[in-house]
Structure formats: C-alpha cells, structure tokens
Full PDB file with SEQRES, HELIX, SHEET, SSBOND, CRYST1, ORIGX, SCALE, CONECT and MASTER records, all heavy atoms in Angstrom:
SEQRES   1 A   38  SER GLY ARG PRO ALA TYR THR ALA PRO ASP VAL HIS PHE          
SEQRES   2 A   38  MET ALA GLY MET ILE VAL HIS HIS ALA GLN ALA VAL LEU          
SEQRES   3 A   38  ILE ALA GLY TRP ALA PRO ALA HIS GLY ALA GLY PRO              
HELIX    1 AA1 ALA A    8  ALA A   28  1                                  21    
HELIX    2 AA2 PRO A   32  HIS A   34  5                                   3    
CRYST1    1.000    1.000    1.000  90.00  90.00  90.00 P 1           1          
ORIGX1      1.000000  0.000000  0.000000        0.00000                         
ORIGX2      0.000000  1.000000  0.000000        0.00000                         
ORIGX3      0.000000  0.000000  1.000000        0.00000                         
SCALE1      1.000000  0.000000  0.000000        0.00000                         
SCALE2      0.000000  1.000000  0.000000        0.00000                         
SCALE3      0.000000  0.000000  1.000000        0.00000                         
ATOM      1  N   SER A   1       7.900  -5.455 -29.183  1.00  0.00           N  
ATOM      2  CA  SER A   1       9.277  -5.205 -28.863  1.00  0.00           C  
ATOM      3  C   SER A   1      10.179  -5.640 -30.004  1.00  0.00           C  
ATOM      4  O   SER A   1      10.024  -6.739 -30.526  1.00  0.00           O  
ATOM      5  CB  SER A   1       9.676  -5.933 -27.565  1.00  0.00           C  
ATOM      6  OG  SER A   1      11.019  -5.710 -27.286  1.00  0.00           O  
ATOM      7  N   GLY A   2      11.110  -4.776 -30.378  1.00  0.00           N  
ATOM      8  CA  GLY A   2      12.046  -5.126 -31.420  1.00  0.00           C  
ATOM      9  C   GLY A   2      11.537  -4.834 -32.832  1.00  0.00           C  
ATOM     10  O   GLY A   2      12.263  -5.009 -33.786  1.00  0.00           O  
ATOM     11  N   ARG A   3      10.298  -4.389 -32.957  1.00  0.00           N  
ATOM     12  CA  ARG A   3       9.741  -4.082 -34.268  1.00  0.00           C  
ATOM     13  C   ARG A   3       9.611  -2.577 -34.412  1.00  0.00           C  
ATOM     14  O   ARG A   3       9.398  -1.875 -33.439  1.00  0.00           O  
ATOM     15  CB  ARG A   3       8.386  -4.739 -34.441  1.00  0.00           C  
ATOM     16  CG  ARG A   3       8.415  -6.242 -34.441  1.00  0.00           C  
ATOM     17  CD  ARG A   3       7.032  -6.811 -34.734  1.00  0.00           C  
ATOM     18  NE  ARG A   3       7.024  -8.281 -34.732  1.00  0.00           N  
ATOM     19  CZ  ARG A   3       5.958  -9.019 -34.953  1.00  0.00           C  
ATOM     20  NH1 ARG A   3       4.808  -8.432 -35.218  1.00  0.00           N  
ATOM     21  NH2 ARG A   3       6.037 -10.321 -34.924  1.00  0.00           N  
ATOM     22  N   PRO A   4       9.693  -2.055 -35.660  1.00  0.00           N  
ATOM     23  CA  PRO A   4       9.512  -0.614 -35.861  1.00  0.00           C  
ATOM     24  C   PRO A   4       8.071  -0.257 -35.553  1.00  0.00           C  
ATOM     25  O   PRO A   4       7.161  -1.067 -35.602  1.00  0.00           O  
ATOM     26  CB  PRO A   4       9.856  -0.441 -37.356  1.00  0.00           C  
ATOM     27  CG  PRO A   4       9.617  -1.774 -37.984  1.00  0.00           C  
ATOM     28  CD  PRO A   4       9.990  -2.763 -36.914  1.00  0.00           C  
ATOM     29  N   ALA A   5       7.880   1.017 -35.235  1.00  0.00           N  
ATOM     30  CA  ALA A   5       6.518   1.466 -34.923  1.00  0.00           C  
ATOM     31  C   ALA A   5       5.624   1.566 -36.147  1.00  0.00           C  
ATOM     32  O   ALA A   5       4.424   1.769 -36.023  1.00  0.00           O  
ATOM     33  CB  ALA A   5       6.590   2.831 -34.246  1.00  0.00           C  
ATOM     34  N   TYR A   6       6.197   1.437 -37.317  1.00  0.00           N  
ATOM     35  CA  TYR A   6       5.405   1.471 -38.557  1.00  0.00           C  
ATOM     36  C   TYR A   6       6.049   0.513 -39.544  1.00  0.00           C  
ATOM     37  O   TYR A   6       7.187   0.081 -39.395  1.00  0.00           O  
ATOM     38  CB  TYR A   6       5.324   2.881 -39.118  1.00  0.00           C  
ATOM     39  CG  TYR A   6       6.654   3.446 -39.608  1.00  0.00           C  
ATOM     40  CD1 TYR A   6       6.982   3.347 -40.981  1.00  0.00           C  
ATOM     41  CD2 TYR A   6       7.548   4.044 -38.760  1.00  0.00           C  
ATOM     42  CE1 TYR A   6       8.177   3.866 -41.450  1.00  0.00           C  
ATOM     43  CE2 TYR A   6       8.757   4.546 -39.224  1.00  0.00           C  
ATOM     44  CZ  TYR A   6       9.064   4.455 -40.572  1.00  0.00           C  
ATOM     45  OH  TYR A   6      10.255   4.968 -41.017  1.00  0.00           O  
ATOM     46  N   THR A   7       5.285   0.183 -40.591  1.00  0.00           N  
ATOM     47  CA  THR A   7       5.729  -0.830 -41.568  1.00  0.00           C  
ATOM     48  C   THR A   7       5.719  -0.244 -42.975  1.00  0.00           C  
ATOM     49  O   THR A   7       5.165   0.823 -43.227  1.00  0.00           O  
ATOM     50  CB  THR A   7       4.796  -2.034 -41.506  1.00  0.00           C  
ATOM     51  OG1 THR A   7       3.486  -1.626 -41.927  1.00  0.00           O  
ATOM     52  CG2 THR A   7       4.717  -2.637 -40.120  1.00  0.00           C  
ATOM     53  N   ALA A   8       6.256  -1.015 -43.934  1.00  0.00           N  
ATOM     54  CA  ALA A   8       6.231  -0.589 -45.336  1.00  0.00           C  
ATOM     55  C   ALA A   8       4.780  -0.446 -45.833  1.00  0.00           C  
ATOM     56  O   ALA A   8       4.513   0.549 -46.556  1.00  0.00           O  
ATOM     57  CB  ALA A   8       6.992  -1.627 -46.176  1.00  0.00           C  
ATOM     58  N   PRO A   9       3.837  -1.318 -45.464  1.00  0.00           N  
ATOM     59  CA  PRO A   9       2.448  -1.074 -45.882  1.00  0.00           C  
ATOM     60  C   PRO A   9       1.879   0.234 -45.330  1.00  0.00           C  
ATOM     61  O   PRO A   9       1.064   0.866 -45.972  1.00  0.00           O  
ATOM     62  CB  PRO A   9       1.693  -2.292 -45.323  1.00  0.00           C  
ATOM     63  CG  PRO A   9       2.724  -3.377 -45.290  1.00  0.00           C  
ATOM     64  CD  PRO A   9       3.974  -2.682 -44.893  1.00  0.00           C  
ATOM     65  N   ASP A  10       2.312   0.618 -44.143  1.00  0.00           N  
ATOM     66  CA  ASP A  10       1.857   1.919 -43.591  1.00  0.00           C  
ATOM     67  C   ASP A  10       2.361   3.055 -44.460  1.00  0.00           C  
ATOM     68  O   ASP A  10       1.606   3.994 -44.765  1.00  0.00           O  
ATOM     69  CB  ASP A  10       2.431   2.115 -42.153  1.00  0.00           C  
ATOM     70  CG  ASP A  10       1.852   1.165 -41.145  1.00  0.00           C  
ATOM     71  OD1 ASP A  10       0.724   0.648 -41.391  1.00  0.00           O  
ATOM     72  OD2 ASP A  10       2.525   0.896 -40.132  1.00  0.00           O  
ATOM     73  N   VAL A  11       3.634   2.997 -44.853  1.00  0.00           N  
ATOM     74  CA  VAL A  11       4.181   4.038 -45.729  1.00  0.00           C  
ATOM     75  C   VAL A  11       3.457   4.073 -47.087  1.00  0.00           C  
ATOM     76  O   VAL A  11       3.127   5.139 -47.584  1.00  0.00           O  
ATOM     77  CB  VAL A  11       5.707   3.799 -45.937  1.00  0.00           C  
ATOM     78  CG1 VAL A  11       6.257   4.781 -46.943  1.00  0.00           C  
ATOM     79  CG2 VAL A  11       6.461   3.925 -44.619  1.00  0.00           C  
ATOM     80  N   HIS A  12       3.193   2.897 -47.619  1.00  0.00           N  
ATOM     81  CA  HIS A  12       2.476   2.822 -48.906  1.00  0.00           C  
ATOM     82  C   HIS A  12       1.084   3.419 -48.773  1.00  0.00           C  
ATOM     83  O   HIS A  12       0.613   4.140 -49.680  1.00  0.00           O  
ATOM     84  CB  HIS A  12       2.379   1.357 -49.368  1.00  0.00           C  
ATOM     85  CG  HIS A  12       1.705   1.179 -50.679  1.00  0.00           C  
ATOM     86  ND1 HIS A  12       2.328   1.442 -51.876  1.00  0.00           N  
ATOM     87  CD2 HIS A  12       0.424   0.791 -50.977  1.00  0.00           C  
ATOM     88  CE1 HIS A  12       1.466   1.203 -52.866  1.00  0.00           C  
ATOM     89  NE2 HIS A  12       0.305   0.819 -52.355  1.00  0.00           N  
ATOM     90  N   PHE A  13       0.420   3.139 -47.662  1.00  0.00           N  
ATOM     91  CA  PHE A  13      -0.908   3.689 -47.439  1.00  0.00           C  
ATOM     92  C   PHE A  13      -0.866   5.229 -47.398  1.00  0.00           C  
ATOM     93  O   PHE A  13      -1.691   5.880 -48.077  1.00  0.00           O  
ATOM     94  CB  PHE A  13      -1.486   3.163 -46.123  1.00  0.00           C  
ATOM     95  CG  PHE A  13      -2.748   3.842 -45.709  1.00  0.00           C  
ATOM     96  CD1 PHE A  13      -4.007   3.453 -46.269  1.00  0.00           C  
ATOM     97  CD2 PHE A  13      -2.749   4.864 -44.764  1.00  0.00           C  
ATOM     98  CE1 PHE A  13      -5.174   4.108 -45.877  1.00  0.00           C  
ATOM     99  CE2 PHE A  13      -3.912   5.507 -44.369  1.00  0.00           C  
ATOM    100  CZ  PHE A  13      -5.136   5.110 -44.920  1.00  0.00           C  
ATOM    101  N   MET A  14       0.070   5.776 -46.658  1.00  0.00           N  
ATOM    102  CA  MET A  14       0.145   7.206 -46.517  1.00  0.00           C  
ATOM    103  C   MET A  14       0.448   7.857 -47.847  1.00  0.00           C  
ATOM    104  O   MET A  14      -0.177   8.857 -48.246  1.00  0.00           O  
ATOM    105  CB  MET A  14       1.181   7.597 -45.478  1.00  0.00           C  
ATOM    106  CG  MET A  14       0.790   7.284 -44.055  1.00  0.00           C  
ATOM    107  SD  MET A  14      -0.680   8.182 -43.510  1.00  0.00           S  
ATOM    108  CE  MET A  14      -0.151   8.806 -41.956  1.00  0.00           C  
ATOM    109  N   ALA A  15       1.436   7.334 -48.571  1.00  0.00           N  
ATOM    110  CA  ALA A  15       1.800   7.911 -49.876  1.00  0.00           C  
ATOM    111  C   ALA A  15       0.658   7.778 -50.855  1.00  0.00           C  
ATOM    112  O   ALA A  15       0.364   8.733 -51.599  1.00  0.00           O  
ATOM    113  CB  ALA A  15       3.061   7.227 -50.417  1.00  0.00           C  
ATOM    114  N   GLY A  16       0.008   6.626 -50.867  1.00  0.00           N  
ATOM    115  CA  GLY A  16      -1.097   6.399 -51.775  1.00  0.00           C  
ATOM    116  C   GLY A  16      -2.275   7.283 -51.476  1.00  0.00           C  
ATOM    117  O   GLY A  16      -2.959   7.788 -52.379  1.00  0.00           O  
ATOM    118  N   MET A  17      -2.550   7.503 -50.183  1.00  0.00           N  
ATOM    119  CA  MET A  17      -3.717   8.351 -49.815  1.00  0.00           C  
ATOM    120  C   MET A  17      -3.451   9.788 -50.158  1.00  0.00           C  
ATOM    121  O   MET A  17      -4.386  10.545 -50.487  1.00  0.00           O  
ATOM    122  CB  MET A  17      -4.025   8.170 -48.345  1.00  0.00           C  
ATOM    123  CG  MET A  17      -5.383   8.716 -47.930  1.00  0.00           C  
ATOM    124  SD  MET A  17      -6.789   7.955 -48.825  1.00  0.00           S  
ATOM    125  CE  MET A  17      -6.898   6.374 -47.960  1.00  0.00           C  
ATOM    126  N   ILE A  18      -2.200  10.247 -50.128  1.00  0.00           N  
ATOM    127  CA  ILE A  18      -1.870  11.604 -50.549  1.00  0.00           C  
ATOM    128  C   ILE A  18      -2.231  11.764 -52.035  1.00  0.00           C  
ATOM    129  O   ILE A  18      -2.877  12.754 -52.453  1.00  0.00           O  
ATOM    130  CB  ILE A  18      -0.364  11.931 -50.328  1.00  0.00           C  
ATOM    131  CG1 ILE A  18      -0.109  12.068 -48.817  1.00  0.00           C  
ATOM    132  CG2 ILE A  18       0.031  13.203 -51.057  1.00  0.00           C  
ATOM    133  CD1 ILE A  18       1.358  12.165 -48.471  1.00  0.00           C  
ATOM    134  N   VAL A  19      -1.823  10.799 -52.847  1.00  0.00           N  
ATOM    135  CA  VAL A  19      -2.148  10.828 -54.291  1.00  0.00           C  
ATOM    136  C   VAL A  19      -3.654  10.781 -54.491  1.00  0.00           C  
ATOM    137  O   VAL A  19      -4.224  11.516 -55.312  1.00  0.00           O  
ATOM    138  CB  VAL A  19      -1.459   9.650 -54.983  1.00  0.00           C  
ATOM    139  CG1 VAL A  19      -1.899   9.555 -56.434  1.00  0.00           C  
ATOM    140  CG2 VAL A  19       0.067   9.809 -54.940  1.00  0.00           C  
ATOM    141  N   HIS A  20      -4.323   9.920 -53.709  1.00  0.00           N  
ATOM    142  CA  HIS A  20      -5.771   9.762 -53.820  1.00  0.00           C  
ATOM    143  C   HIS A  20      -6.508  11.073 -53.470  1.00  0.00           C  
ATOM    144  O   HIS A  20      -7.351  11.541 -54.225  1.00  0.00           O  
ATOM    145  CB  HIS A  20      -6.206   8.642 -52.831  1.00  0.00           C  
ATOM    146  CG  HIS A  20      -7.499   7.994 -53.167  1.00  0.00           C  
ATOM    147  ND1 HIS A  20      -8.720   8.518 -52.741  1.00  0.00           N  
ATOM    148  CD2 HIS A  20      -7.784   6.887 -53.900  1.00  0.00           C  
ATOM    149  CE1 HIS A  20      -9.659   7.715 -53.160  1.00  0.00           C  
ATOM    150  NE2 HIS A  20      -9.163   6.712 -53.836  1.00  0.00           N  
ATOM    151  N   HIS A  21      -6.106  11.652 -52.351  1.00  0.00           N  
ATOM    152  CA  HIS A  21      -6.692  12.950 -51.932  1.00  0.00           C  
ATOM    153  C   HIS A  21      -6.437  14.040 -52.950  1.00  0.00           C  
ATOM    154  O   HIS A  21      -7.314  14.914 -53.185  1.00  0.00           O  
ATOM    155  CB  HIS A  21      -6.125  13.365 -50.580  1.00  0.00           C  
ATOM    156  CG  HIS A  21      -6.811  12.794 -49.378  1.00  0.00           C  
ATOM    157  ND1 HIS A  21      -7.545  11.621 -49.437  1.00  0.00           N  
ATOM    158  CD2 HIS A  21      -6.855  13.216 -48.090  1.00  0.00           C  
ATOM    159  CE1 HIS A  21      -8.034  11.377 -48.206  1.00  0.00           C  
ATOM    160  NE2 HIS A  21      -7.615  12.322 -47.391  1.00  0.00           N  
ATOM    161  N   ALA A  22      -5.257  14.039 -53.549  1.00  0.00           N  
ATOM    162  CA  ALA A  22      -4.905  15.112 -54.491  1.00  0.00           C  
ATOM    163  C   ALA A  22      -5.857  15.139 -55.662  1.00  0.00           C  
ATOM    164  O   ALA A  22      -6.242  16.225 -56.144  1.00  0.00           O  
ATOM    165  CB  ALA A  22      -3.481  14.921 -54.972  1.00  0.00           C  
ATOM    166  N   GLN A  23      -6.273  13.952 -56.129  1.00  0.00           N  
ATOM    167  CA  GLN A  23      -7.211  13.948 -57.237  1.00  0.00           C  
ATOM    168  C   GLN A  23      -8.585  14.462 -56.832  1.00  0.00           C  
ATOM    169  O   GLN A  23      -9.238  15.183 -57.565  1.00  0.00           O  
ATOM    170  CB  GLN A  23      -7.368  12.540 -57.813  1.00  0.00           C  
ATOM    171  CG  GLN A  23      -8.190  12.541 -59.114  1.00  0.00           C  
ATOM    172  CD  GLN A  23      -8.446  11.135 -59.648  1.00  0.00           C  
ATOM    173  OE1 GLN A  23      -9.224  10.364 -59.110  1.00  0.00           O  
ATOM    174  NE2 GLN A  23      -7.769  10.800 -60.740  1.00  0.00           N  
ATOM    175  N   ALA A  24      -9.000  14.135 -55.583  1.00  0.00           N  
ATOM    176  CA  ALA A  24     -10.270  14.662 -55.082  1.00  0.00           C  
ATOM    177  C   ALA A  24     -10.248  16.187 -54.985  1.00  0.00           C  
ATOM    178  O   ALA A  24     -11.223  16.857 -55.357  1.00  0.00           O  
ATOM    179  CB  ALA A  24     -10.578  14.055 -53.720  1.00  0.00           C  
ATOM    180  N   VAL A  25      -9.138  16.735 -54.515  1.00  0.00           N  
ATOM    181  CA  VAL A  25      -8.992  18.195 -54.414  1.00  0.00           C  
ATOM    182  C   VAL A  25      -9.053  18.815 -55.792  1.00  0.00           C  
ATOM    183  O   VAL A  25      -9.689  19.870 -56.006  1.00  0.00           O  
ATOM    184  CB  VAL A  25      -7.688  18.565 -53.705  1.00  0.00           C  
ATOM    185  CG1 VAL A  25      -7.397  20.042 -53.791  1.00  0.00           C  
ATOM    186  CG2 VAL A  25      -7.742  18.122 -52.217  1.00  0.00           C  
ATOM    187  N   LEU A  26      -8.412  18.172 -56.763  1.00  0.00           N  
ATOM    188  CA  LEU A  26      -8.393  18.682 -58.141  1.00  0.00           C  
ATOM    189  C   LEU A  26      -9.813  18.797 -58.690  1.00  0.00           C  
ATOM    190  O   LEU A  26     -10.222  19.883 -59.139  1.00  0.00           O  
ATOM    191  CB  LEU A  26      -7.564  17.746 -59.024  1.00  0.00           C  
ATOM    192  CG  LEU A  26      -7.657  17.999 -60.551  1.00  0.00           C  
ATOM    193  CD1 LEU A  26      -7.001  19.335 -60.910  1.00  0.00           C  
ATOM    194  CD2 LEU A  26      -7.062  16.852 -61.328  1.00  0.00           C  
ATOM    195  N   ILE A  27     -10.578  17.721 -58.650  1.00  0.00           N  
ATOM    196  CA  ILE A  27     -11.872  17.758 -59.312  1.00  0.00           C  
ATOM    197  C   ILE A  27     -12.911  18.555 -58.508  1.00  0.00           C  
ATOM    198  O   ILE A  27     -13.797  19.149 -59.076  1.00  0.00           O  
ATOM    199  CB  ILE A  27     -12.361  16.318 -59.644  1.00  0.00           C  
ATOM    200  CG1 ILE A  27     -12.608  15.492 -58.386  1.00  0.00           C  
ATOM    201  CG2 ILE A  27     -11.416  15.651 -60.601  1.00  0.00           C  
ATOM    202  CD1 ILE A  27     -13.186  14.123 -58.696  1.00  0.00           C  
ATOM    203  N   ALA A  28     -12.751  18.562 -57.208  1.00  0.00           N  
ATOM    204  CA  ALA A  28     -13.681  19.374 -56.400  1.00  0.00           C  
ATOM    205  C   ALA A  28     -13.442  20.849 -56.706  1.00  0.00           C  
ATOM    206  O   ALA A  28     -14.384  21.674 -56.648  1.00  0.00           O  
ATOM    207  CB  ALA A  28     -13.475  19.092 -54.887  1.00  0.00           C  
ATOM    208  N   GLY A  29     -12.242  21.212 -57.025  1.00  0.00           N  
ATOM    209  CA  GLY A  29     -11.892  22.590 -57.365  1.00  0.00           C  
ATOM    210  C   GLY A  29     -12.498  23.030 -58.680  1.00  0.00           C  
ATOM    211  O   GLY A  29     -12.510  24.258 -58.984  1.00  0.00           O  
ATOM    212  N   TRP A  30     -13.025  22.093 -59.473  1.00  0.00           N  
ATOM    213  CA  TRP A  30     -13.652  22.463 -60.749  1.00  0.00           C  
ATOM    214  C   TRP A  30     -15.037  23.012 -60.585  1.00  0.00           C  
ATOM    215  O   TRP A  30     -15.611  23.591 -61.517  1.00  0.00           O  
ATOM    216  CB  TRP A  30     -13.709  21.221 -61.667  1.00  0.00           C  
ATOM    217  CG  TRP A  30     -12.397  20.774 -62.202  1.00  0.00           C  
ATOM    218  CD1 TRP A  30     -11.211  21.403 -62.117  1.00  0.00           C  
ATOM    219  CD2 TRP A  30     -12.137  19.543 -62.890  1.00  0.00           C  
ATOM    220  NE1 TRP A  30     -10.203  20.667 -62.725  1.00  0.00           N  
ATOM    221  CE2 TRP A  30     -10.776  19.513 -63.191  1.00  0.00           C  
ATOM    222  CE3 TRP A  30     -12.937  18.472 -63.268  1.00  0.00           C  
ATOM    223  CZ2 TRP A  30     -10.164  18.465 -63.886  1.00  0.00           C  
ATOM    224  CZ3 TRP A  30     -12.355  17.402 -63.971  1.00  0.00           C  
ATOM    225  CH2 TRP A  30     -10.988  17.401 -64.263  1.00  0.00           C  
ATOM    226  N   ALA A  31     -15.662  22.814 -59.439  1.00  0.00           N  
ATOM    227  CA  ALA A  31     -17.097  23.075 -59.259  1.00  0.00           C  
ATOM    228  C   ALA A  31     -17.495  24.503 -59.715  1.00  0.00           C  
ATOM    229  O   ALA A  31     -18.468  24.642 -60.495  1.00  0.00           O  
ATOM    230  CB  ALA A  31     -17.515  22.837 -57.818  1.00  0.00           C  
ATOM    231  N   PRO A  32     -16.831  25.560 -59.264  1.00  0.00           N  
ATOM    232  CA  PRO A  32     -17.270  26.908 -59.673  1.00  0.00           C  
ATOM    233  C   PRO A  32     -17.236  27.130 -61.180  1.00  0.00           C  
ATOM    234  O   PRO A  32     -18.177  27.735 -61.739  1.00  0.00           O  
ATOM    235  CB  PRO A  32     -16.311  27.849 -58.935  1.00  0.00           C  
ATOM    236  CG  PRO A  32     -15.798  27.048 -57.788  1.00  0.00           C  
ATOM    237  CD  PRO A  32     -15.716  25.630 -58.292  1.00  0.00           C  
ATOM    238  N   ALA A  33     -16.168  26.713 -61.807  1.00  0.00           N  
ATOM    239  CA  ALA A  33     -15.991  26.961 -63.242  1.00  0.00           C  
ATOM    240  C   ALA A  33     -16.858  26.065 -64.106  1.00  0.00           C  
ATOM    241  O   ALA A  33     -17.002  26.309 -65.325  1.00  0.00           O  
ATOM    242  CB  ALA A  33     -14.531  26.762 -63.641  1.00  0.00           C  
ATOM    243  N   HIS A  34     -17.445  25.018 -63.503  1.00  0.00           N  
ATOM    244  CA  HIS A  34     -18.253  24.061 -64.311  1.00  0.00           C  
ATOM    245  C   HIS A  34     -19.740  24.184 -64.017  1.00  0.00           C  
ATOM    246  O   HIS A  34     -20.520  23.289 -64.362  1.00  0.00           O  
ATOM    247  CB  HIS A  34     -17.751  22.618 -64.035  1.00  0.00           C  
ATOM    248  CG  HIS A  34     -16.445  22.327 -64.692  1.00  0.00           C  
ATOM    249  ND1 HIS A  34     -15.266  22.948 -64.301  1.00  0.00           N  
ATOM    250  CD2 HIS A  34     -16.093  21.483 -65.678  1.00  0.00           C  
ATOM    251  CE1 HIS A  34     -14.249  22.485 -65.022  1.00  0.00           C  
ATOM    252  NE2 HIS A  34     -14.737  21.609 -65.859  1.00  0.00           N  
ATOM    253  N   GLY A  35     -20.139  25.287 -63.381  1.00  0.00           N  
ATOM    254  CA  GLY A  35     -21.534  25.547 -63.215  1.00  0.00           C  
ATOM    255  C   GLY A  35     -22.224  24.651 -62.201  1.00  0.00           C  
ATOM    256  O   GLY A  35     -23.444  24.377 -62.317  1.00  0.00           O  
ATOM    257  N   ALA A  36     -21.506  24.187 -61.204  1.00  0.00           N  
ATOM    258  CA  ALA A  36     -22.130  23.336 -60.172  1.00  0.00           C  
ATOM    259  C   ALA A  36     -23.182  24.113 -59.401  1.00  0.00           C  
ATOM    260  O   ALA A  36     -23.067  25.343 -59.220  1.00  0.00           O  
ATOM    261  CB  ALA A  36     -21.046  22.835 -59.205  1.00  0.00           C  
ATOM    262  N   GLY A  37     -24.185  23.389 -58.912  1.00  0.00           N  
ATOM    263  CA  GLY A  37     -25.217  23.997 -58.128  1.00  0.00           C  
ATOM    264  C   GLY A  37     -24.713  24.379 -56.745  1.00  0.00           C  
ATOM    265  O   GLY A  37     -23.639  23.925 -56.302  1.00  0.00           O  
ATOM    266  N   PRO A  38     -25.470  25.196 -56.005  1.00  0.00           N  
ATOM    267  CA  PRO A  38     -25.006  25.695 -54.707  1.00  0.00           C  
ATOM    268  C   PRO A  38     -24.678  24.593 -53.710  1.00  0.00           C  
ATOM    269  O   PRO A  38     -23.690  24.657 -52.986  1.00  0.00           O  
ATOM    270  CB  PRO A  38     -26.168  26.539 -54.211  1.00  0.00           C  
ATOM    271  CG  PRO A  38     -26.883  26.974 -55.443  1.00  0.00           C  
ATOM    272  CD  PRO A  38     -26.740  25.816 -56.405  1.00  0.00           C  
TER     273      PRO A  38                                                      
MASTER        0    0    0    2    0    0    0    6  272    1    0    3          
END                                                                             
C-alpha cells in the first residue's frame, strides 16, 4: 500500500532487455546470408 506497482529497476530491466533482444534479432537475421546450416 502506498507504493507504485513498479519501480525504477523494473523500468531499467524492460528497457535493457529491449536493447538486449534487439541485438539477438540482428545477429540471428544474418543466418541466411552467412551460409548457416539448416
């Protein structure tokens, strides 16, 4: 009671994980052009 439903560390986690995921999407997208196996 009296506290927000989320905190600054929660916001930092969400923002950081977006950045983290974006890099994974980037390099995973390289697979076809880099001759990755099936």
